Amino acid sequence: MEQKTTSAPPEHRSLLRAYGSWVVVRSARRRAERTRLTPGSLARTRGHLLSVIAFLAWTAETGLTLDAVTQRHIDDWLDAGGPSRRSVRGFPQWASRRGLTADLDVPGPRRAPEPRDWSTPEQRWTLLDRCLNDDSLPLDVRAAGCLTLLHGISGPRITELTTCHLTGGAQPTIRLGEHPAALPPAAFHLLAQQTEHAVTASAIARISARPSTPWLLPSQLADQPVTAHHLTSKLRHYGLPVIPLRNSALITLAADLPPSVLSSLLGISLTSALNWTRRAGRDWNTYLAARAHDEGLKTSSDRERVRL
């Protein structure tokens, strides 16, 4: 945060430090205590702080003090930029409560569009069979693809996983949220194979006396996992499009599990789980049947062909 505030106008640095410390950092800590800080949430936090800095720089350039900013001023600033400027919203509210500005209204961020990309049941089970049994695929691709197809785990979340998240035994599990989620034995065997090969390519990490984090998917950097971008690009290269496969896995799980259970098993927010349950309540089977007919595919599940 200190690096970000040094780029702000000198007269606003103390204000930014106060806002950053009492609002931005505390909010991030509360989130970390409730669930976890993902790369996406950290990026949104940085984006919010950068929007505040940009807004304050604009007021300095236009010769405005904070107490002189009106609704018209902030509307003009919002209209002159892209949708990302709406992330400044929390700052005017905070400043207004402290009597630093007038009561200013900033629209909230636009709602994310509904998912549009899906895979058919046959496509999903065929790809799962491929991940479990096709030795020609790289092992890390098979492991990540299996997690995407079974539990709808996002790329960033997969990269956060360590070997400690896996538990063997009569009923293997993986801990993604508050409670462990069951793994088919064949999937656990595949992930166990990946843990045996999950050794960083960094020579520095291999000779370091400091214990390294046992990432499920380590990178070539010392004690670092692969990036989500690298992982999703690699999956796509081998014919595993992450977004359609993840969407289909999540909506299938949401059709069978209550939102609270879905949230605790997958480590997603309750709001996200409720949205997936709402989507599962629609007639997606009709959509998938129509798409399968157009593509000349059968819609009946071929789970029996997947050697679990």
Protein backbone atom coordinates (compact mmCIF):
# COMPACT_ATOMS: atom_id res chain seq x y z
CA MET A 1 0.00 0.00 0.00
CA GLU A 2 2.87 2.36 0.79
CA GLN A 3 4.16 2.00 -2.77
CA LYS A 4 0.76 2.96 -4.16
CA THR A 5 0.29 6.02 -1.94
CA THR A 6 3.68 7.52 -2.86
CA SER A 7 2.35 8.13 -6.37
CA ALA A 8 -0.53 10.24 -5.01
CA PRO A 9 -0.41 14.04 -4.75
CA PRO A 10 1.57 15.03 -1.60
CA GLU A 11 -1.41 16.79 -0.05
CA HIS A 12 -3.45 13.57 -0.22
CA ARG A 13 -0.93 11.02 1.03
CA SER A 14 -1.88 11.19 4.70
CA LEU A 15 -5.57 10.88 3.76
CA LEU A 16 -4.82 7.85 1.59
CA ARG A 17 -2.77 6.21 4.32
CA ALA A 18 -5.65 6.66 6.77
CA TYR A 19 -8.22 5.30 4.32
CA GLY A 20 -5.95 2.45 3.27
CA SER A 21 -5.13 1.42 6.83
CA TRP A 22 -8.58 1.77 8.38
CA VAL A 23 -10.72 0.63 5.46
CA VAL A 24 -8.83 -1.22 2.72
CA VAL A 25 -6.41 -3.25 4.84
CA ARG A 26 -8.97 -4.00 7.57
CA SER A 27 -11.48 -5.17 4.97
CA ALA A 28 -8.87 -7.48 3.44
CA ARG A 29 -8.02 -8.90 6.86
CA ARG A 30 -11.66 -9.55 7.67
CA ARG A 31 -12.08 -11.35 4.38
CA ALA A 32 -8.99 -13.46 5.08
CA GLU A 33 -10.41 -14.41 8.48
CA ARG A 34 -13.80 -15.40 7.00
CA THR A 35 -12.59 -17.28 3.95
CA ARG A 36 -9.34 -16.54 2.14
CA LEU A 37 -7.68 -13.89 0.02
CA THR A 38 -7.62 -15.01 -3.59
CA PRO A 39 -5.52 -13.42 -6.36
CA GLY A 40 -8.78 -12.02 -7.73
CA SER A 41 -9.78 -10.35 -4.47
CA LEU A 42 -6.28 -8.90 -4.07
CA ALA A 43 -6.46 -7.53 -7.62
CA ARG A 44 -9.82 -5.89 -6.85
CA THR A 45 -8.36 -4.35 -3.69
CA ARG A 46 -5.44 -2.92 -5.65
CA GLY A 47 -7.82 -1.68 -8.35
CA HIS A 48 -9.96 0.07 -5.75
CA LEU A 49 -6.96 1.84 -4.23
CA LEU A 50 -5.70 2.89 -7.67
CA SER A 51 -9.13 4.33 -8.50
CA VAL A 52 -9.07 6.38 -5.31
CA ILE A 53 -5.59 7.66 -6.16
CA ALA A 54 -6.73 8.53 -9.70
CA PHE A 55 -9.77 10.38 -8.37
CA LEU A 56 -7.69 12.42 -5.92
CA ALA A 57 -5.15 13.20 -8.66
CA TRP A 58 -8.02 14.44 -10.84
CA THR A 59 -9.27 16.75 -8.09
CA ALA A 60 -5.76 18.17 -7.72
CA GLU A 61 -5.42 18.71 -11.47
CA THR A 62 -8.76 20.51 -11.65
CA GLY A 63 -7.98 22.67 -8.62
CA LEU A 64 -10.73 21.16 -6.47
CA THR A 65 -10.54 20.48 -2.78
CA LEU A 66 -12.46 17.51 -1.45
CA ASP A 67 -15.05 19.66 0.32
CA ALA A 68 -15.73 21.45 -2.98
CA VAL A 69 -16.46 18.27 -4.99
CA THR A 70 -20.11 18.10 -6.03
CA GLN A 71 -22.19 15.31 -7.52
CA ARG A 72 -21.73 16.86 -10.96
CA HIS A 73 -17.97 16.73 -10.57
CA ILE A 74 -17.87 13.08 -9.65
CA ASP A 75 -20.38 12.21 -12.40
CA ASP A 76 -18.12 13.94 -14.94
CA TRP A 77 -15.11 11.99 -13.66
CA LEU A 78 -16.99 8.69 -13.84
CA ASP A 79 -18.32 9.41 -17.34
CA ALA A 80 -14.86 10.27 -18.64
CA GLY A 81 -13.45 6.86 -17.70
CA GLY A 82 -14.35 3.21 -17.93
CA PRO A 83 -16.48 1.05 -15.64
CA SER A 84 -13.47 0.36 -13.41
CA ARG A 85 -13.79 3.89 -12.00
CA ARG A 86 -16.92 2.77 -10.14
CA SER A 87 -14.65 0.88 -7.76
CA VAL A 88 -13.91 4.27 -6.13
CA ARG A 89 -17.34 4.05 -4.49
CA GLY A 90 -16.24 3.24 -0.95
CA PHE A 91 -13.97 6.28 -0.68
CA PRO A 92 -16.60 9.06 -1.15
CA GLN A 93 -18.87 7.25 1.31
CA TRP A 94 -16.06 7.08 3.89
CA ALA A 95 -15.05 10.72 3.30
CA SER A 96 -18.66 11.89 3.55
CA ARG A 97 -19.16 10.16 6.91
CA ARG A 98 -16.17 12.11 8.20
CA GLY A 99 -17.40 15.44 6.88
CA LEU A 100 -14.64 15.69 4.28
CA THR A 101 -17.00 15.76 1.29
CA ALA A 102 -20.62 16.29 0.45
CA ASP A 103 -22.92 13.27 0.26
CA LEU A 104 -21.83 11.86 -3.11
CA ASP A 105 -23.45 8.97 -4.95
CA VAL A 106 -21.35 6.52 -6.96
CA PRO A 107 -23.17 3.64 -8.70
CA GLY A 108 -22.11 0.18 -7.64
CA PRO A 109 -20.20 -2.11 -9.99
CA ARG A 110 -22.20 -3.60 -12.81
CA ARG A 111 -23.40 -7.14 -12.24
CA ALA A 112 -21.35 -9.81 -13.93
CA PRO A 113 -23.16 -11.32 -16.93
CA GLU A 114 -24.76 -14.72 -16.58
CA PRO A 115 -22.58 -17.65 -17.70
CA ARG A 116 -22.99 -18.37 -21.40
CA ASP A 117 -20.46 -21.14 -22.09
CA TRP A 118 -21.37 -24.71 -21.19
CA SER A 119 -20.31 -28.22 -22.04
CA THR A 120 -22.75 -31.06 -22.60
CA PRO A 121 -22.85 -33.98 -20.16
CA GLU A 122 -21.27 -36.25 -22.77
CA GLN A 123 -18.43 -33.80 -23.39
CA ARG A 124 -17.79 -33.50 -19.68
CA TRP A 125 -17.67 -37.22 -18.98
CA THR A 126 -15.58 -37.91 -22.07
CA LEU A 127 -13.00 -35.36 -20.96
CA LEU A 128 -13.04 -36.74 -17.41
CA ASP A 129 -12.34 -40.20 -18.82
CA ARG A 130 -9.47 -38.70 -20.78
CA CYS A 131 -8.00 -36.98 -17.72
CA LEU A 132 -8.21 -40.13 -15.62
CA ASN A 133 -6.86 -42.58 -18.19
CA ASP A 134 -4.95 -40.85 -21.01
CA ASP A 135 -1.24 -41.17 -20.20
CA SER A 136 -0.32 -39.09 -23.23
CA LEU A 137 -1.50 -35.95 -21.41
CA PRO A 138 0.91 -34.20 -19.00
CA LEU A 139 0.24 -35.27 -15.44
CA ASP A 140 -0.40 -31.73 -14.18
CA VAL A 141 -2.95 -31.17 -16.96
CA ARG A 142 -4.76 -34.38 -16.04
CA ALA A 143 -4.81 -33.45 -12.33
CA ALA A 144 -6.04 -29.88 -12.87
CA GLY A 145 -8.56 -30.99 -15.49
CA CYS A 146 -9.94 -33.64 -13.14
CA LEU A 147 -10.47 -31.07 -10.36
CA THR A 148 -12.19 -28.70 -12.78
CA LEU A 149 -14.49 -31.39 -14.15
CA LEU A 150 -15.42 -32.93 -10.79
CA HIS A 151 -15.69 -29.90 -8.50
CA GLY A 152 -15.75 -26.86 -10.78
CA ILE A 153 -12.64 -25.42 -9.11
CA SER A 154 -11.33 -22.21 -10.65
CA GLY A 155 -7.78 -21.87 -11.98
CA PRO A 156 -6.65 -19.50 -9.18
CA ARG A 157 -8.04 -21.86 -6.53
CA ILE A 158 -6.31 -24.90 -8.04
CA THR A 159 -2.96 -23.10 -7.96
CA GLU A 160 -3.42 -22.47 -4.21
CA LEU A 161 -3.78 -26.17 -3.41
CA THR A 162 -1.03 -28.05 -1.61
CA THR A 163 -0.56 -31.73 -1.01
CA CYS A 164 -1.88 -31.11 2.51
CA HIS A 165 -5.36 -30.56 1.08
CA LEU A 166 -5.57 -34.26 0.14
CA THR A 167 -6.47 -37.09 2.51
CA GLY A 168 -6.35 -40.77 1.58
CA GLY A 169 -8.00 -43.74 3.21
CA ALA A 170 -11.15 -45.72 2.52
CA GLN A 171 -12.89 -42.53 1.33
CA PRO A 172 -10.36 -40.08 -0.14
CA THR A 173 -11.18 -36.40 0.21
CA ILE A 174 -9.94 -32.98 -0.79
CA ARG A 175 -10.44 -29.95 1.44
CA LEU A 176 -11.55 -26.95 -0.60
CA GLY A 177 -13.70 -25.23 2.01
CA GLU A 178 -14.90 -25.70 5.55
CA HIS A 179 -15.66 -29.40 5.06
CA PRO A 180 -13.78 -31.98 2.96
CA ALA A 181 -15.26 -33.05 -0.37
CA ALA A 182 -15.23 -36.68 -1.49
CA LEU A 183 -12.93 -37.80 -4.30
CA PRO A 184 -13.45 -40.90 -6.46
CA PRO A 185 -10.58 -43.35 -5.83
CA ALA A 186 -9.33 -43.03 -9.42
CA ALA A 187 -9.20 -39.24 -9.07
CA PHE A 188 -7.34 -39.47 -5.76
CA HIS A 189 -4.85 -41.90 -7.31
CA LEU A 190 -4.21 -39.41 -10.11
CA LEU A 191 -3.70 -36.53 -7.67
CA ALA A 192 -1.42 -38.73 -5.54
CA GLN A 193 0.69 -39.35 -8.63
CA GLN A 194 0.89 -35.59 -9.16
CA THR A 195 2.02 -35.03 -5.56
CA GLU A 196 4.89 -37.47 -6.12
CA HIS A 197 6.01 -35.43 -9.13
CA ALA A 198 5.22 -32.02 -7.61
CA VAL A 199 8.83 -30.92 -7.27
CA THR A 200 9.85 -27.38 -8.14
CA ALA A 201 12.20 -26.99 -11.08
CA SER A 202 14.08 -24.25 -9.25
CA ALA A 203 17.60 -25.32 -8.29
CA ILE A 204 17.61 -22.68 -5.54
CA ALA A 205 14.52 -24.17 -3.90
CA ARG A 206 15.93 -27.71 -4.10
CA ILE A 207 19.13 -26.84 -2.25
CA SER A 208 17.58 -24.38 0.22
CA ALA A 209 17.50 -25.42 3.87
CA ARG A 210 14.15 -23.64 4.27
CA PRO A 211 11.21 -26.04 3.88
CA SER A 212 9.24 -25.23 0.76
CA THR A 213 5.46 -25.20 0.45
CA PRO A 214 4.26 -28.55 -0.95
CA TRP A 215 2.30 -27.05 -3.84
CA LEU A 216 0.22 -29.48 -5.83
CA LEU A 217 1.30 -27.63 -8.98
CA PRO A 218 4.69 -26.02 -8.33
CA SER A 219 6.32 -23.64 -10.80
CA GLN A 220 9.92 -23.12 -11.86
CA LEU A 221 10.23 -20.31 -9.31
CA ALA A 222 11.44 -21.08 -5.82
CA ASP A 223 8.54 -21.96 -3.52
CA GLN A 224 5.88 -20.63 -5.90
CA PRO A 225 2.94 -22.39 -7.53
CA VAL A 226 2.14 -22.06 -11.21
CA THR A 227 0.13 -18.99 -12.12
CA ALA A 228 -3.56 -19.31 -12.92
CA HIS A 229 -2.96 -17.81 -16.38
CA HIS A 230 -0.30 -20.41 -17.18
CA LEU A 231 -2.50 -23.23 -15.92
CA THR A 232 -5.65 -22.25 -17.82
CA SER A 233 -3.64 -21.64 -21.01
CA LYS A 234 -2.07 -25.09 -20.72
CA LEU A 235 -5.43 -26.76 -20.12
CA ARG A 236 -6.90 -24.97 -23.12
CA HIS A 237 -3.93 -26.07 -25.26
CA TYR A 238 -4.75 -29.70 -24.47
CA GLY A 239 -8.43 -29.33 -25.29
CA LEU A 240 -9.78 -28.58 -21.81
CA PRO A 241 -11.62 -25.23 -21.95
CA VAL A 242 -11.84 -24.25 -18.30
CA ILE A 243 -14.85 -21.92 -18.28
CA PRO A 244 -17.42 -24.20 -19.99
CA LEU A 245 -16.24 -27.22 -17.99
CA ARG A 246 -16.29 -25.34 -14.70
CA ASN A 247 -19.74 -23.88 -15.37
CA SER A 248 -21.18 -27.29 -16.16
CA ALA A 249 -19.61 -28.91 -13.10
CA LEU A 250 -20.92 -26.19 -10.78
CA ILE A 251 -24.45 -26.24 -12.12
CA THR A 252 -24.54 -30.04 -11.84
CA LEU A 253 -23.41 -29.87 -8.20
CA ALA A 254 -25.84 -27.03 -7.48
CA ALA A 255 -28.73 -29.14 -8.73
CA ASP A 256 -27.93 -31.80 -6.10
CA LEU A 257 -26.69 -29.82 -3.08
CA PRO A 258 -28.20 -27.07 -0.91
CA PRO A 259 -26.39 -23.71 -1.22
CA SER A 260 -24.93 -23.88 2.30
CA VAL A 261 -23.44 -27.32 1.62
CA LEU A 262 -22.14 -26.25 -1.79
CA SER A 263 -20.46 -23.24 -0.19
CA SER A 264 -18.82 -25.22 2.63
CA LEU A 265 -17.59 -28.02 0.35
CA LEU A 266 -16.17 -25.91 -2.47
CA GLY A 267 -15.03 -22.88 -0.47
CA ILE A 268 -17.10 -20.44 -2.53
CA SER A 269 -19.17 -17.64 -1.02
CA LEU A 270 -22.77 -18.32 -0.02
CA THR A 271 -23.85 -15.66 -2.53
CA SER A 272 -22.08 -17.50 -5.32
CA ALA A 273 -23.60 -20.80 -4.19
CA LEU A 274 -27.09 -19.26 -4.16
CA ASN A 275 -26.56 -17.94 -7.70
CA TRP A 276 -25.57 -21.37 -8.95
CA THR A 277 -28.56 -22.94 -7.23
CA ARG A 278 -30.80 -20.36 -8.90
CA ARG A 279 -29.29 -21.17 -12.28
CA ALA A 280 -29.70 -24.89 -11.68
CA GLY A 281 -33.40 -24.30 -11.05
CA ARG A 282 -33.89 -23.24 -14.63
CA ASP A 283 -34.50 -25.74 -17.39
CA TRP A 284 -30.86 -26.21 -18.38
CA ASN A 285 -31.60 -29.77 -19.50
CA THR A 286 -33.68 -28.35 -22.34
CA TYR A 287 -30.81 -26.09 -23.35
CA LEU A 288 -28.26 -28.91 -23.25
CA ALA A 289 -30.54 -31.25 -25.18
CA ALA A 290 -31.03 -28.65 -27.91
CA ARG A 291 -27.31 -28.00 -28.13
CA ALA A 292 -26.49 -31.70 -28.22
CA HIS A 293 -29.02 -32.21 -31.02
CA ASP A 294 -27.47 -29.37 -33.02
CA GLU A 295 -24.02 -30.89 -32.63
CA GLY A 296 -25.21 -34.39 -33.40
CA LEU A 297 -24.32 -35.61 -29.91
CA LYS A 298 -26.20 -37.84 -27.54
CA THR A 299 -27.29 -36.22 -24.30
CA SER A 300 -27.46 -39.40 -22.26
CA SER A 301 -24.72 -39.61 -19.65
CA ASP A 302 -22.00 -42.17 -20.30
CA ARG A 303 -20.70 -42.37 -16.78
CA GLU A 304 -20.32 -46.12 -17.16
CA ARG A 305 -17.52 -45.53 -19.66
CA VAL A 306 -15.53 -43.48 -17.18
CA ARG A 307 -13.39 -45.90 -15.23
CA LEU A 308 -13.82 -44.57 -11.71
